[in-house]
PDB file of N, CA and C in Angstrom:
ATOM      1  N   MET A   1       0.839  -1.168   0.000  1.00  0.00           N
ATOM      2  CA  MET A   1       0.000   0.000   0.000  1.00  0.00           C
ATOM      3  C   MET A   1       0.889   1.238   0.000  1.00  0.00           C
ATOM      4  N   ARG A   2       0.452   2.280  -0.655  1.00  0.00           N
ATOM      5  CA  ARG A   2       1.194   3.537  -0.697  1.00  0.00           C
ATOM      6  C   ARG A   2       1.007   4.284   0.617  1.00  0.00           C
ATOM      7  N   ILE A   3       2.076   4.909   1.083  1.00  0.00           N
ATOM      8  CA  ILE A   3       2.001   5.749   2.270  1.00  0.00           C
ATOM      9  C   ILE A   3       2.684   7.077   1.963  1.00  0.00           C
ATOM     10  N   THR A   4       2.471   8.057   2.818  1.00  0.00           N
ATOM     11  CA  THR A   4       3.023   9.389   2.594  1.00  0.00           C
ATOM     12  C   THR A   4       4.395   9.528   3.248  1.00  0.00           C
ATOM     13  N   ARG A   5       5.116  10.554   2.835  1.00  0.00           N
ATOM     14  CA  ARG A   5       6.410  10.853   3.458  1.00  0.00           C
ATOM     15  C   ARG A   5       6.235  11.122   4.946  1.00  0.00           C
ATOM     16  N   LYS A   6       5.140  11.788   5.292  1.00  0.00           N
ATOM     17  CA  LYS A   6       4.883  12.103   6.698  1.00  0.00           C
ATOM     18  C   LYS A   6       4.740  10.816   7.518  1.00  0.00           C
ATOM     19  N   GLN A   7       4.033   9.830   6.976  1.00  0.00           N
ATOM     20  CA  GLN A   7       3.854   8.566   7.678  1.00  0.00           C
ATOM     21  C   GLN A   7       5.172   7.804   7.808  1.00  0.00           C
ATOM     22  N   ALA A   8       6.060   7.960   6.843  1.00  0.00           N
ATOM     23  CA  ALA A   8       7.318   7.218   6.831  1.00  0.00           C
ATOM     24  C   ALA A   8       8.497   8.032   7.345  1.00  0.00           C
ATOM     25  N   ARG A   9       8.258   9.225   7.875  1.00  0.00           N
ATOM     26  CA  ARG A   9       9.328  10.148   8.244  1.00  0.00           C
ATOM     27  C   ARG A   9      10.396   9.523   9.125  1.00  0.00           C
ATOM     28  N   LYS A  10      10.017   8.911  10.228  1.00  0.00           N
ATOM     29  CA  LYS A  10      11.007   8.352  11.154  1.00  0.00           C
ATOM     30  C   LYS A  10      11.760   7.181  10.554  1.00  0.00           C
ATOM     31  N   VAL A  11      11.068   6.376   9.771  1.00  0.00           N
ATOM     32  CA  VAL A  11      11.728   5.250   9.109  1.00  0.00           C
ATOM     33  C   VAL A  11      12.766   5.772   8.122  1.00  0.00           C
ATOM     34  N   LEU A  12      12.405   6.792   7.350  1.00  0.00           N
ATOM     35  CA  LEU A  12      13.332   7.357   6.371  1.00  0.00           C
ATOM     36  C   LEU A  12      14.518   8.027   7.060  1.00  0.00           C
ATOM     37  N   GLU A  13      14.271   8.725   8.156  1.00  0.00           N
ATOM     38  CA  GLU A  13      15.361   9.363   8.898  1.00  0.00           C
ATOM     39  C   GLU A  13      16.355   8.331   9.419  1.00  0.00           C
ATOM     40  N   SER A  14      15.870   7.161   9.798  1.00  0.00           N
ATOM     41  CA  SER A  14      16.726   6.109  10.340  1.00  0.00           C
ATOM     42  C   SER A  14      17.421   5.296   9.267  1.00  0.00           C
ATOM     43  N   SER A  15      16.839   5.226   8.079  1.00  0.00           N
ATOM     44  CA  SER A  15      17.378   4.331   7.065  1.00  0.00           C
ATOM     45  C   SER A  15      18.073   5.074   5.924  1.00  0.00           C
ATOM     46  N   PHE A  16      17.348   5.897   5.202  1.00  0.00           N
ATOM     47  CA  PHE A  16      17.890   6.614   4.047  1.00  0.00           C
ATOM     48  C   PHE A  16      17.506   8.090   4.142  1.00  0.00           C
ATOM     49  N   PRO A  17      18.184   8.844   4.997  1.00  0.00           N
ATOM     50  CA  PRO A  17      17.801  10.247   5.204  1.00  0.00           C
ATOM     51  C   PRO A  17      17.978  11.122   3.955  1.00  0.00           C
ATOM     52  N   ASP A  18      18.776  10.667   2.996  1.00  0.00           N
ATOM     53  CA  ASP A  18      18.988  11.454   1.787  1.00  0.00           C
ATOM     54  C   ASP A  18      17.931  11.171   0.707  1.00  0.00           C
ATOM     55  N   PHE A  19      16.976  10.287   0.986  1.00  0.00           N
ATOM     56  CA  PHE A  19      15.940   9.963   0.004  1.00  0.00           C
ATOM     57  C   PHE A  19      15.042  11.172  -0.223  1.00  0.00           C
ATOM     58  N   ARG A  20      14.865  11.550  -1.488  1.00  0.00           N
ATOM     59  CA  ARG A  20      14.037  12.703  -1.833  1.00  0.00           C
ATOM     60  C   ARG A  20      12.880  12.332  -2.753  1.00  0.00           C
ATOM     61  N   GLY A  21      12.713  11.045  -3.022  1.00  0.00           N
ATOM     62  CA  GLY A  21      11.653  10.612  -3.928  1.00  0.00           C
ATOM     63  C   GLY A  21      10.275  10.717  -3.290  1.00  0.00           C
ATOM     64  N   ARG A  22       9.262  10.385  -4.072  1.00  0.00           N
ATOM     65  CA  ARG A  22       7.875  10.466  -3.603  1.00  0.00           C
ATOM     66  C   ARG A  22       7.243   9.098  -3.390  1.00  0.00           C
ATOM     67  N   LYS A  23       7.714   8.095  -4.103  1.00  0.00           N
ATOM     68  CA  LYS A  23       7.074   6.791  -4.053  1.00  0.00           C
ATOM     69  C   LYS A  23       7.545   6.012  -2.826  1.00  0.00           C
ATOM     70  N   ILE A  24       6.616   5.799  -1.898  1.00  0.00           N
ATOM     71  CA  ILE A  24       6.899   5.047  -0.672  1.00  0.00           C
ATOM     72  C   ILE A  24       5.775   4.035  -0.496  1.00  0.00           C
ATOM     73  N   GLU A  25       6.170   2.792  -0.330  1.00  0.00           N
ATOM     74  CA  GLU A  25       5.201   1.706  -0.215  1.00  0.00           C
ATOM     75  C   GLU A  25       5.454   0.932   1.074  1.00  0.00           C
ATOM     76  N   LEU A  26       4.388   0.466   1.709  1.00  0.00           N
ATOM     77  CA  LEU A  26       4.476  -0.349   2.925  1.00  0.00           C
ATOM     78  C   LEU A  26       3.952  -1.737   2.611  1.00  0.00           C
ATOM     79  N   VAL A  27       4.744  -2.758   2.963  1.00  0.00           N
ATOM     80  CA  VAL A  27       4.350  -4.149   2.779  1.00  0.00           C
ATOM     81  C   VAL A  27       4.463  -4.839   4.137  1.00  0.00           C
ATOM     82  N   LEU A  28       3.358  -5.414   4.626  1.00  0.00           N
ATOM     83  CA  LEU A  28       3.380  -6.160   5.874  1.00  0.00           C
ATOM     84  C   LEU A  28       3.762  -7.603   5.558  1.00  0.00           C
ATOM     85  N   THR A  29       4.902  -8.044   6.068  1.00  0.00           N
ATOM     86  CA  THR A  29       5.411  -9.376   5.770  1.00  0.00           C
ATOM     87  C   THR A  29       6.415  -9.785   6.831  1.00  0.00           C
ATOM     88  N   ASN A  30       6.793 -11.049   6.812  1.00  0.00           N
ATOM     89  CA  ASN A  30       7.807 -11.499   7.763  1.00  0.00           C
ATOM     90  C   ASN A  30       9.105 -11.897   7.061  1.00  0.00           C
ATOM     91  N   LYS A  31       9.212 -11.654   5.728  1.00  0.00           N
ATOM     92  CA  LYS A  31      10.473 -11.904   5.038  1.00  0.00           C
ATOM     93  C   LYS A  31      10.570 -11.046   3.789  1.00  0.00           C
ATOM     94  N   VAL A  32      11.802 -10.895   3.320  1.00  0.00           N
ATOM     95  CA  VAL A  32      12.075 -10.114   2.111  1.00  0.00           C
ATOM     96  C   VAL A  32      13.145 -10.857   1.314  1.00  0.00           C
ATOM     97  N   THR A  33      13.060 -10.757  -0.003  1.00  0.00           N
ATOM     98  CA  THR A  33      14.064 -11.349  -0.880  1.00  0.00           C
ATOM     99  C   THR A  33      15.012 -10.254  -1.343  1.00  0.00           C
ATOM    100  N   LEU A  34      16.300 -10.408  -1.053  1.00  0.00           N
ATOM    101  CA  LEU A  34      17.301  -9.427  -1.472  1.00  0.00           C
ATOM    102  C   LEU A  34      17.556  -9.594  -2.965  1.00  0.00           C
ATOM    103  N   ARG A  35      17.545  -8.474  -3.682  1.00  0.00           N
ATOM    104  CA  ARG A  35      17.776  -8.541  -5.131  1.00  0.00           C
ATOM    105  C   ARG A  35      18.395  -7.250  -5.631  1.00  0.00           C
ATOM    106  N   HIS A  36      19.015  -7.325  -6.778  1.00  0.00           N
ATOM    107  CA  HIS A  36      19.685  -6.186  -7.425  1.00  0.00           C
ATOM    108  C   HIS A  36      20.644  -5.478  -6.462  1.00  0.00           C
ATOM    109  N   LEU A  37      21.456  -6.276  -5.774  1.00  0.00           N
ATOM    110  CA  LEU A  37      22.372  -5.722  -4.793  1.00  0.00           C
ATOM    111  C   LEU A  37      23.566  -5.022  -5.422  1.00  0.00           C
ATOM    112  N   ASN A  38      23.968  -5.470  -6.558  1.00  0.00           N
ATOM    113  CA  ASN A  38      25.078  -4.852  -7.277  1.00  0.00           C
ATOM    114  C   ASN A  38      24.510  -4.190  -8.536  1.00  0.00           C
ATOM    115  N   ALA A  39      24.947  -2.971  -8.793  1.00  0.00           N
ATOM    116  CA  ALA A  39      24.408  -2.225  -9.936  1.00  0.00           C
ATOM    117  C   ALA A  39      24.567  -3.030 -11.219  1.00  0.00           C
ATOM    118  N   ASP A  40      23.446  -3.206 -11.913  1.00  0.00           N
ATOM    119  CA  ASP A  40      23.481  -3.934 -13.179  1.00  0.00           C
ATOM    120  C   ASP A  40      22.487  -3.305 -14.141  1.00  0.00           C
ATOM    121  N   GLY A  41      22.997  -2.681 -15.157  1.00  0.00           N
ATOM    122  CA  GLY A  41      22.137  -2.098 -16.177  1.00  0.00           C
ATOM    123  C   GLY A  41      21.260  -0.967 -15.683  1.00  0.00           C
ATOM    124  N   GLY A  42      21.735  -0.171 -14.742  1.00  0.00           N
ATOM    125  CA  GLY A  42      20.963   0.972 -14.256  1.00  0.00           C
ATOM    126  C   GLY A  42      20.024   0.659 -13.108  1.00  0.00           C
ATOM    127  N   ILE A  43      20.078  -0.567 -12.569  1.00  0.00           N
ATOM    128  CA  ILE A  43      19.202  -0.952 -11.468  1.00  0.00           C
ATOM    129  C   ILE A  43      20.045  -1.347 -10.267  1.00  0.00           C
ATOM    130  N   GLN A  44      19.738  -0.766  -9.106  1.00  0.00           N
ATOM    131  CA  GLN A  44      20.394  -1.166  -7.867  1.00  0.00           C
ATOM    132  C   GLN A  44      19.437  -0.942  -6.709  1.00  0.00           C
ATOM    133  N   PHE A  45      19.391  -1.912  -5.798  1.00  0.00           N
ATOM    134  CA  PHE A  45      18.581  -1.804  -4.590  1.00  0.00           C
ATOM    135  C   PHE A  45      19.527  -1.785  -3.393  1.00  0.00           C
ATOM    136  N   ASP A  46      19.244  -0.924  -2.425  1.00  0.00           N
ATOM    137  CA  ASP A  46      19.990  -0.873  -1.161  1.00  0.00           C
ATOM    138  C   ASP A  46      19.023  -1.230  -0.044  1.00  0.00           C
ATOM    139  N   TYR A  47      19.546  -1.858   1.007  1.00  0.00           N
ATOM    140  CA  TYR A  47      18.703  -2.308   2.110  1.00  0.00           C
ATOM    141  C   TYR A  47      19.231  -1.787   3.428  1.00  0.00           C
ATOM    142  N   CYS A  48      18.310  -1.553   4.347  1.00  0.00           N
ATOM    143  CA  CYS A  48      18.651  -1.132   5.699  1.00  0.00           C
ATOM    144  C   CYS A  48      17.624  -1.732   6.654  1.00  0.00           C
ATOM    145  N   ALA A  49      18.101  -2.321   7.743  1.00  0.00           N
ATOM    146  CA  ALA A  49      17.202  -2.865   8.763  1.00  0.00           C
ATOM    147  C   ALA A  49      16.999  -1.813   9.846  1.00  0.00           C
ATOM    148  N   VAL A  50      15.746  -1.620  10.236  1.00  0.00           N
ATOM    149  CA  VAL A  50      15.413  -0.625  11.256  1.00  0.00           C
ATOM    150  C   VAL A  50      14.754  -1.344  12.425  1.00  0.00           C
ATOM    151  N   ARG A  51      15.318  -1.150  13.610  1.00  0.00           N
ATOM    152  CA  ARG A  51      14.760  -1.777  14.805  1.00  0.00           C
ATOM    153  C   ARG A  51      13.609  -0.951  15.346  1.00  0.00           C
ATOM    154  N   TRP A  52      12.869  -1.559  16.247  1.00  0.00           N
ATOM    155  CA  TRP A  52      11.727  -0.901  16.882  1.00  0.00           C
ATOM    156  C   TRP A  52      12.125   0.421  17.526  1.00  0.00           C
ATOM    157  N   ASP A  53      13.312   0.490  18.113  1.00  0.00           N
ATOM    158  CA  ASP A  53      13.757   1.706  18.797  1.00  0.00           C
ATOM    159  C   ASP A  53      14.323   2.756  17.844  1.00  0.00           C
ATOM    160  N   GLY A  54      14.264   2.493  16.532  1.00  0.00           N
ATOM    161  CA  GLY A  54      14.684   3.487  15.550  1.00  0.00           C
ATOM    162  C   GLY A  54      16.124   3.382  15.110  1.00  0.00           C
ATOM    163  N   LYS A  55      16.913   2.510  15.715  1.00  0.00           N
ATOM    164  CA  LYS A  55      18.297   2.340  15.286  1.00  0.00           C
ATOM    165  C   LYS A  55      18.324   1.560  13.979  1.00  0.00           C
ATOM    166  N   SER A  56      19.304   1.854  13.151  1.00  0.00           N
ATOM    167  CA  SER A  56      19.360   1.192  11.849  1.00  0.00           C
ATOM    168  C   SER A  56      20.698   0.496  11.651  1.00  0.00           C
ATOM    169  N   GLU A  57      20.689  -0.485  10.758  1.00  0.00           N
ATOM    170  CA  GLU A  57      21.895  -1.207  10.395  1.00  0.00           C
ATOM    171  C   GLU A  57      21.882  -1.396   8.883  1.00  0.00           C
ATOM    172  N   SER A  58      22.895  -0.866   8.202  1.00  0.00           N
ATOM    173  CA  SER A  58      22.980  -1.021   6.747  1.00  0.00           C
ATOM    174  C   SER A  58      23.543  -2.390   6.417  1.00  0.00           C
ATOM    175  N   LEU A  59      23.226  -2.861   5.247  1.00  0.00           N
ATOM    176  CA  LEU A  59      23.731  -4.138   4.770  1.00  0.00           C
ATOM    177  C   LEU A  59      24.851  -3.846   3.790  1.00  0.00           C
ATOM    178  N   ASP A  60      26.087  -4.150   4.190  1.00  0.00           N
ATOM    179  CA  ASP A  60      27.218  -3.999   3.285  1.00  0.00           C
ATOM    180  C   ASP A  60      27.292  -5.251   2.426  1.00  0.00           C
ATOM    181  N   VAL A  61      27.210  -5.053   1.141  1.00  0.00           N
ATOM    182  CA  VAL A  61      27.168  -6.185   0.223  1.00  0.00           C
ATOM    183  C   VAL A  61      28.524  -6.333  -0.452  1.00  0.00           C
ATOM    184  N   PRO A  62      29.166  -7.494  -0.273  1.00  0.00           N
ATOM    185  CA  PRO A  62      30.458  -7.713  -0.932  1.00  0.00           C
ATOM    186  C   PRO A  62      30.282  -7.933  -2.425  1.00  0.00           C
ATOM    187  N   ALA A  63      31.383  -7.941  -3.124  1.00  0.00           N
ATOM    188  CA  ALA A  63      31.338  -8.222  -4.563  1.00  0.00           C
ATOM    189  C   ALA A  63      30.678  -9.583  -4.789  1.00  0.00           C
ATOM    190  N   PRO A  64      29.906  -9.726  -5.867  1.00  0.00           N
ATOM    191  CA  PRO A  64      29.144 -10.964  -6.069  1.00  0.00           C
ATOM    192  C   PRO A  64      30.001 -12.214  -6.172  1.00  0.00           C
ATOM    193  N   TRP A  65      31.252 -12.091  -6.590  1.00  0.00           N
ATOM    194  CA  TRP A  65      32.092 -13.276  -6.706  1.00  0.00           C
ATOM    195  C   TRP A  65      32.662 -13.703  -5.351  1.00  0.00           C
ATOM    196  N   LEU A  66      32.554 -12.843  -4.327  1.00  0.00           N
ATOM    197  CA  LEU A  66      33.022 -13.211  -2.989  1.00  0.00           C
ATOM    198  C   LEU A  66      31.939 -13.923  -2.182  1.00  0.00           C
ATOM    199  N   HIS A  67      30.746 -13.403  -2.218  1.00  0.00           N
ATOM    200  CA  HIS A  67      29.642 -14.014  -1.482  1.00  0.00           C
ATOM    201  C   HIS A  67      28.348 -13.528  -2.109  1.00  0.00           C
ATOM    202  N   ASN A  68      27.601 -14.421  -2.659  1.00  0.00           N
ATOM    203  CA  ASN A  68      26.410 -14.030  -3.394  1.00  0.00           C
ATOM    204  C   ASN A  68      25.175 -14.027  -2.482  1.00  0.00           C
ATOM    205  N   LEU A  69      24.681 -12.850  -2.155  1.00  0.00           N
ATOM    206  CA  LEU A  69      23.465 -12.710  -1.358  1.00  0.00           C
ATOM    207  C   LEU A  69      22.240 -12.498  -2.243  1.00  0.00           C
ATOM    208  N   GLU A  70      22.488 -12.389  -3.532  1.00  0.00           N
ATOM    209  CA  GLU A  70      21.404 -12.124  -4.483  1.00  0.00           C
ATOM    210  C   GLU A  70      20.310 -13.189  -4.392  1.00  0.00           C
ATOM    211  N   TYR A  71      19.076 -12.750  -4.318  1.00  0.00           N
ATOM    212  CA  TYR A  71      17.879 -13.590  -4.258  1.00  0.00           C
ATOM    213  C   TYR A  71      17.827 -14.498  -3.026  1.00  0.00           C
ATOM    214  N   GLN A  72      18.454 -14.066  -1.950  1.00  0.00           N
ATOM    215  CA  GLN A  72      18.356 -14.773  -0.678  1.00  0.00           C
ATOM    216  C   GLN A  72      17.151 -14.229   0.085  1.00  0.00           C
ATOM    217  N   ASP A  73      16.390 -15.112   0.705  1.00  0.00           N
ATOM    218  CA  ASP A  73      15.284 -14.694   1.569  1.00  0.00           C
ATOM    219  C   ASP A  73      15.828 -14.378   2.952  1.00  0.00           C
ATOM    220  N   VAL A  74      15.372 -13.260   3.503  1.00  0.00           N
ATOM    221  CA  VAL A  74      15.783 -12.844   4.846  1.00  0.00           C
ATOM    222  C   VAL A  74      14.529 -12.724   5.700  1.00  0.00           C
ATOM    223  N   ASN A  75      14.517 -13.420   6.832  1.00  0.00           N
ATOM    224  CA  ASN A  75      13.390 -13.308   7.762  1.00  0.00           C
ATOM    225  C   ASN A  75      13.486 -11.988   8.515  1.00  0.00           C
ATOM    226  N   ILE A  76      12.346 -11.371   8.715  1.00  0.00           N
ATOM    227  CA  ILE A  76      12.280 -10.104   9.443  1.00  0.00           C
ATOM    228  C   ILE A  76      11.682 -10.389  10.817  1.00  0.00           C
ATOM    229  N   PRO A  77      12.423 -10.140  11.895  1.00  0.00           N
ATOM    230  CA  PRO A  77      11.870 -10.373  13.234  1.00  0.00           C
ATOM    231  C   PRO A  77      10.710  -9.416  13.521  1.00  0.00           C
ATOM    232  N   ALA A  78       9.820  -9.824  14.396  1.00  0.00           N
ATOM    233  CA  ALA A  78       8.693  -8.969  14.792  1.00  0.00           C
ATOM    234  C   ALA A  78       9.212  -7.647  15.331  1.00  0.00           C
ATOM    235  N   GLY A  79       8.586  -6.566  14.899  1.00  0.00           N
ATOM    236  CA  GLY A  79       8.982  -5.237  15.349  1.00  0.00           C
ATOM    237  C   GLY A  79      10.091  -4.604  14.533  1.00  0.00           C
ATOM    238  N   TYR A  80      10.578  -5.281  13.531  1.00  0.00           N
ATOM    239  CA  TYR A  80      11.622  -4.753  12.659  1.00  0.00           C
ATOM    240  C   TYR A  80      11.037  -4.440  11.288  1.00  0.00           C
ATOM    241  N   ALA A  81      11.755  -3.585  10.574  1.00  0.00           N
ATOM    242  CA  ALA A  81      11.427  -3.301   9.176  1.00  0.00           C
ATOM    243  C   ALA A  81      12.708  -3.396   8.372  1.00  0.00           C
ATOM    244  N   VAL A  82      12.589  -3.862   7.151  1.00  0.00           N
ATOM    245  CA  VAL A  82      13.686  -3.798   6.195  1.00  0.00           C
ATOM    246  C   VAL A  82      13.256  -2.784   5.148  1.00  0.00           C
ATOM    247  N   VAL A  83      14.073  -1.751   4.994  1.00  0.00           N
ATOM    248  CA  VAL A  83      13.756  -0.677   4.057  1.00  0.00           C
ATOM    249  C   VAL A  83      14.586  -0.895   2.798  1.00  0.00           C
ATOM    250  N   GLU A  84      13.902  -0.934   1.680  1.00  0.00           N
ATOM    251  CA  GLU A  84      14.536  -1.167   0.386  1.00  0.00           C
ATOM    252  C   GLU A  84      14.466   0.124  -0.420  1.00  0.00           C
ATOM    253  N   ARG A  85      15.649   0.636  -0.789  1.00  0.00           N
ATOM    254  CA  ARG A  85      15.690   1.814  -1.667  1.00  0.00           C
ATOM    255  C   ARG A  85      15.978   1.320  -3.073  1.00  0.00           C
ATOM    256  N   ARG A  86      15.068   1.601  -3.978  1.00  0.00           N
ATOM    257  CA  ARG A  86      15.195   1.174  -5.367  1.00  0.00           C
ATOM    258  C   ARG A  86      15.690   2.336  -6.213  1.00  0.00           C
ATOM    259  N   SER A  87      16.741   2.090  -6.936  1.00  0.00           N
ATOM    260  CA  SER A  87      17.246   3.079  -7.881  1.00  0.00           C
ATOM    261  C   SER A  87      17.206   2.438  -9.264  1.00  0.00           C
ATOM    262  N   ILE A  88      16.243   2.879 -10.066  1.00  0.00           N
ATOM    263  CA  ILE A  88      16.062   2.315 -11.397  1.00  0.00           C
ATOM    264  C   ILE A  88      16.166   3.459 -12.402  1.00  0.00           C
ATOM    265  N   TRP A  89      17.285   3.506 -13.113  1.00  0.00           N
ATOM    266  CA  TRP A  89      17.539   4.564 -14.085  1.00  0.00           C
ATOM    267  C   TRP A  89      17.248   5.946 -13.497  1.00  0.00           C
ATOM    268  N   ASN A  90      17.856   6.215 -12.343  1.00  0.00           N
ATOM    269  CA  ASN A  90      17.758   7.498 -11.632  1.00  0.00           C
ATOM    270  C   ASN A  90      16.365   7.825 -11.115  1.00  0.00           C
ATOM    271  N   GLN A  91      15.459   6.869 -11.088  1.00  0.00           N
ATOM    272  CA  GLN A  91      14.153   7.035 -10.456  1.00  0.00           C
ATOM    273  C   GLN A  91      14.206   6.272  -9.130  1.00  0.00           C
ATOM    274  N   ASN A  92      14.027   6.971  -8.021  1.00  0.00           N
ATOM    275  CA  ASN A  92      14.163   6.352  -6.706  1.00  0.00           C
ATOM    276  C   ASN A  92      12.807   6.147  -6.048  1.00  0.00           C
ATOM    277  N   SER A  93      12.695   5.039  -5.340  1.00  0.00           N
ATOM    278  CA  SER A  93      11.501   4.762  -4.546  1.00  0.00           C
ATOM    279  C   SER A  93      11.917   3.955  -3.320  1.00  0.00           C
ATOM    280  N   ILE A  94      11.008   3.879  -2.366  1.00  0.00           N
ATOM    281  CA  ILE A  94      11.254   3.149  -1.114  1.00  0.00           C
ATOM    282  C   ILE A  94      10.145   2.131  -0.920  1.00  0.00           C
ATOM    283  N   VAL A  95      10.535   0.928  -0.486  1.00  0.00           N
ATOM    284  CA  VAL A  95       9.574  -0.076  -0.052  1.00  0.00           C
ATOM    285  C   VAL A  95       9.960  -0.459   1.371  1.00  0.00           C
ATOM    286  N   ILE A  96       8.999  -0.347   2.280  1.00  0.00           N
ATOM    287  CA  ILE A  96       9.229  -0.700   3.686  1.00  0.00           C
ATOM    288  C   ILE A  96       8.543  -2.037   3.934  1.00  0.00           C
ATOM    289  N   TYR A  97       9.354  -3.059   4.198  1.00  0.00           N
ATOM    290  CA  TYR A  97       8.831  -4.382   4.540  1.00  0.00           C
ATOM    291  C   TYR A  97       8.810  -4.445   6.060  1.00  0.00           C
ATOM    292  N   TYR A  98       7.624  -4.487   6.632  1.00  0.00           N
ATOM    293  CA  TYR A  98       7.498  -4.406   8.087  1.00  0.00           C
ATOM    294  C   TYR A  98       6.807  -5.647   8.630  1.00  0.00           C
ATOM    295  N   ASN A  99       7.376  -6.213   9.690  1.00  0.00           N
ATOM    296  CA  ASN A  99       6.766  -7.345  10.380  1.00  0.00           C
ATOM    297  C   ASN A  99       6.207  -6.828  11.697  1.00  0.00           C
ATOM    298  N   PRO A 100       4.895  -6.555  11.749  1.00  0.00           N
ATOM    299  CA  PRO A 100       4.326  -6.024  12.987  1.00  0.00           C
ATOM    300  C   PRO A 100       4.270  -7.062  14.091  1.00  0.00           C
ATOM    301  N   GLY A 101       4.352  -8.342  13.749  1.00  0.00           N
ATOM    302  CA  GLY A 101       4.262  -9.388  14.758  1.00  0.00           C
ATOM    303  C   GLY A 101       2.848  -9.457  15.317  1.00  0.00           C
ATOM    304  N   ILE A 102       2.499 -10.568  15.871  1.00  0.00           N
ATOM    305  CA  ILE A 102       1.155 -10.744  16.414  1.00  0.00           C
ATOM    306  C   ILE A 102       0.994  -9.991  17.723  1.00  0.00           C
ATOM    307  N   ASP A 103       2.037  -9.977  18.535  1.00  0.00           N
ATOM    308  CA  ASP A 103       1.931  -9.388  19.866  1.00  0.00           C
ATOM    309  C   ASP A 103       2.264  -7.901  19.922  1.00  0.00           C
ATOM    310  N   THR A 104       2.910  -7.364  18.875  1.00  0.00           N
ATOM    311  CA  THR A 104       3.401  -5.997  18.984  1.00  0.00           C
ATOM    312  C   THR A 104       2.387  -4.938  18.603  1.00  0.00           C
ATOM    313  N   ILE A 105       1.555  -5.201  17.623  1.00  0.00           N
ATOM    314  CA  ILE A 105       0.625  -4.160  17.169  1.00  0.00           C
ATOM    315  C   ILE A 105      -0.503  -4.775  16.361  1.00  0.00           C
ATOM    316  N   ASP A 106      -1.635  -4.155  16.381  1.00  0.00           N
ATOM    317  CA  ASP A 106      -2.787  -4.567  15.581  1.00  0.00           C
ATOM    318  C   ASP A 106      -2.570  -4.083  14.146  1.00  0.00           C
ATOM    319  N   SER A 107      -2.518  -5.006  13.188  1.00  0.00           N
ATOM    320  CA  SER A 107      -2.253  -4.642  11.791  1.00  0.00           C
ATOM    321  C   SER A 107      -3.293  -3.679  11.245  1.00  0.00           C
ATOM    322  N   GLY A 108      -4.549  -3.829  11.634  1.00  0.00           N
ATOM    323  CA  GLY A 108      -5.597  -2.920  11.188  1.00  0.00           C
ATOM    324  C   GLY A 108      -5.337  -1.500  11.650  1.00  0.00           C
ATOM    325  N   LYS A 109      -4.837  -1.363  12.872  1.00  0.00           N
ATOM    326  CA  LYS A 109      -4.504  -0.050  13.409  1.00  0.00           C
ATOM    327  C   LYS A 109      -3.335   0.554  12.626  1.00  0.00           C
ATOM    328  N   LEU A 110      -2.372  -0.290  12.303  1.00  0.00           N
ATOM    329  CA  LEU A 110      -1.220   0.166  11.532  1.00  0.00           C
ATOM    330  C   LEU A 110      -1.667   0.708  10.181  1.00  0.00           C
ATOM    331  N   ILE A 111      -2.523  -0.027   9.505  1.00  0.00           N
ATOM    332  CA  ILE A 111      -2.974   0.387   8.174  1.00  0.00           C
ATOM    333  C   ILE A 111      -3.792   1.671   8.246  1.00  0.00           C
ATOM    334  N   SER A 112      -4.701   1.766   9.208  1.00  0.00           N
ATOM    335  CA  SER A 112      -5.560   2.953   9.286  1.00  0.00           C
ATOM    336  C   SER A 112      -4.838   4.166   9.862  1.00  0.00           C
ATOM    337  N   GLY A 113      -3.893   3.932  10.784  1.00  0.00           N
ATOM    338  CA  GLY A 113      -3.235   5.046  11.450  1.00  0.00           C
ATOM    339  C   GLY A 113      -1.902   5.435  10.855  1.00  0.00           C
ATOM    340  N   GLY A 114      -1.365   4.607   9.996  1.00  0.00           N
ATOM    341  CA  GLY A 114      -0.077   4.922   9.391  1.00  0.00           C
ATOM    342  C   GLY A 114       1.074   4.556  10.314  1.00  0.00           C
ATOM    343  N   LEU A 115       2.282   4.842   9.865  1.00  0.00           N
ATOM    344  CA  LEU A 115       3.465   4.445  10.609  1.00  0.00           C
ATOM    345  C   LEU A 115       3.663   5.210  11.896  1.00  0.00           C
ATOM    346  N   LYS A 116       2.944   6.307  12.086  1.00  0.00           N
ATOM    347  CA  LYS A 116       3.112   7.069  13.323  1.00  0.00           C
ATOM    348  C   LYS A 116       2.789   6.210  14.548  1.00  0.00           C
ATOM    349  N   ASN A 117       1.963   5.175  14.371  1.00  0.00           N
ATOM    350  CA  ASN A 117       1.628   4.287  15.476  1.00  0.00           C
ATOM    351  C   ASN A 117       2.697   3.246  15.724  1.00  0.00           C
ATOM    352  N   VAL A 118       3.639   3.130  14.795  1.00  0.00           N
ATOM    353  CA  VAL A 118       4.640   2.073  14.894  1.00  0.00           C
ATOM    354  C   VAL A 118       5.971   2.609  15.354  1.00  0.00           C
ATOM    355  N   TYR A 119       6.422   3.708  14.771  1.00  0.00           N
ATOM    356  CA  TYR A 119       7.775   4.186  15.028  1.00  0.00           C
ATOM    357  C   TYR A 119       7.756   5.435  15.860  1.00  0.00           C
TER     358      TYR A 119
END
C-alpha cells in the first residue's frame, strides 16, 4: 500500500535520510528477498534494517564473486522493518517491509493510522 512521506518520516530518517523521492510503499510481511544488490544495467537496490527503537543497520554487500546474497530470503523479526531503496535509471523509490508481529501491534490499526503508530 502507498504511504506518505509524513507517515514514513522516522523510518526514512533512520534508514535513508537522503531519500528525496515520492514513491513510498508499505508491505506487511515477515520476510524479504534481497535482489539487485550490485548495480546492473541501471538498477540497484539498497537495504537497511530498522529496529523498533529506531536504530538502523545497513547491509554492506560484498562483490558478487566473494559471497552471493542475491535472491536470498531474509526473515524479518517482529517489530523490525527492512527498508529497500530502489534506484532504477535514476528514479528512486522506497519499499518498507514491516513485520508487525502478532503481539506488537494490531495490523488494522497500523494500516488505518499509518506508521506514526509504529515508530
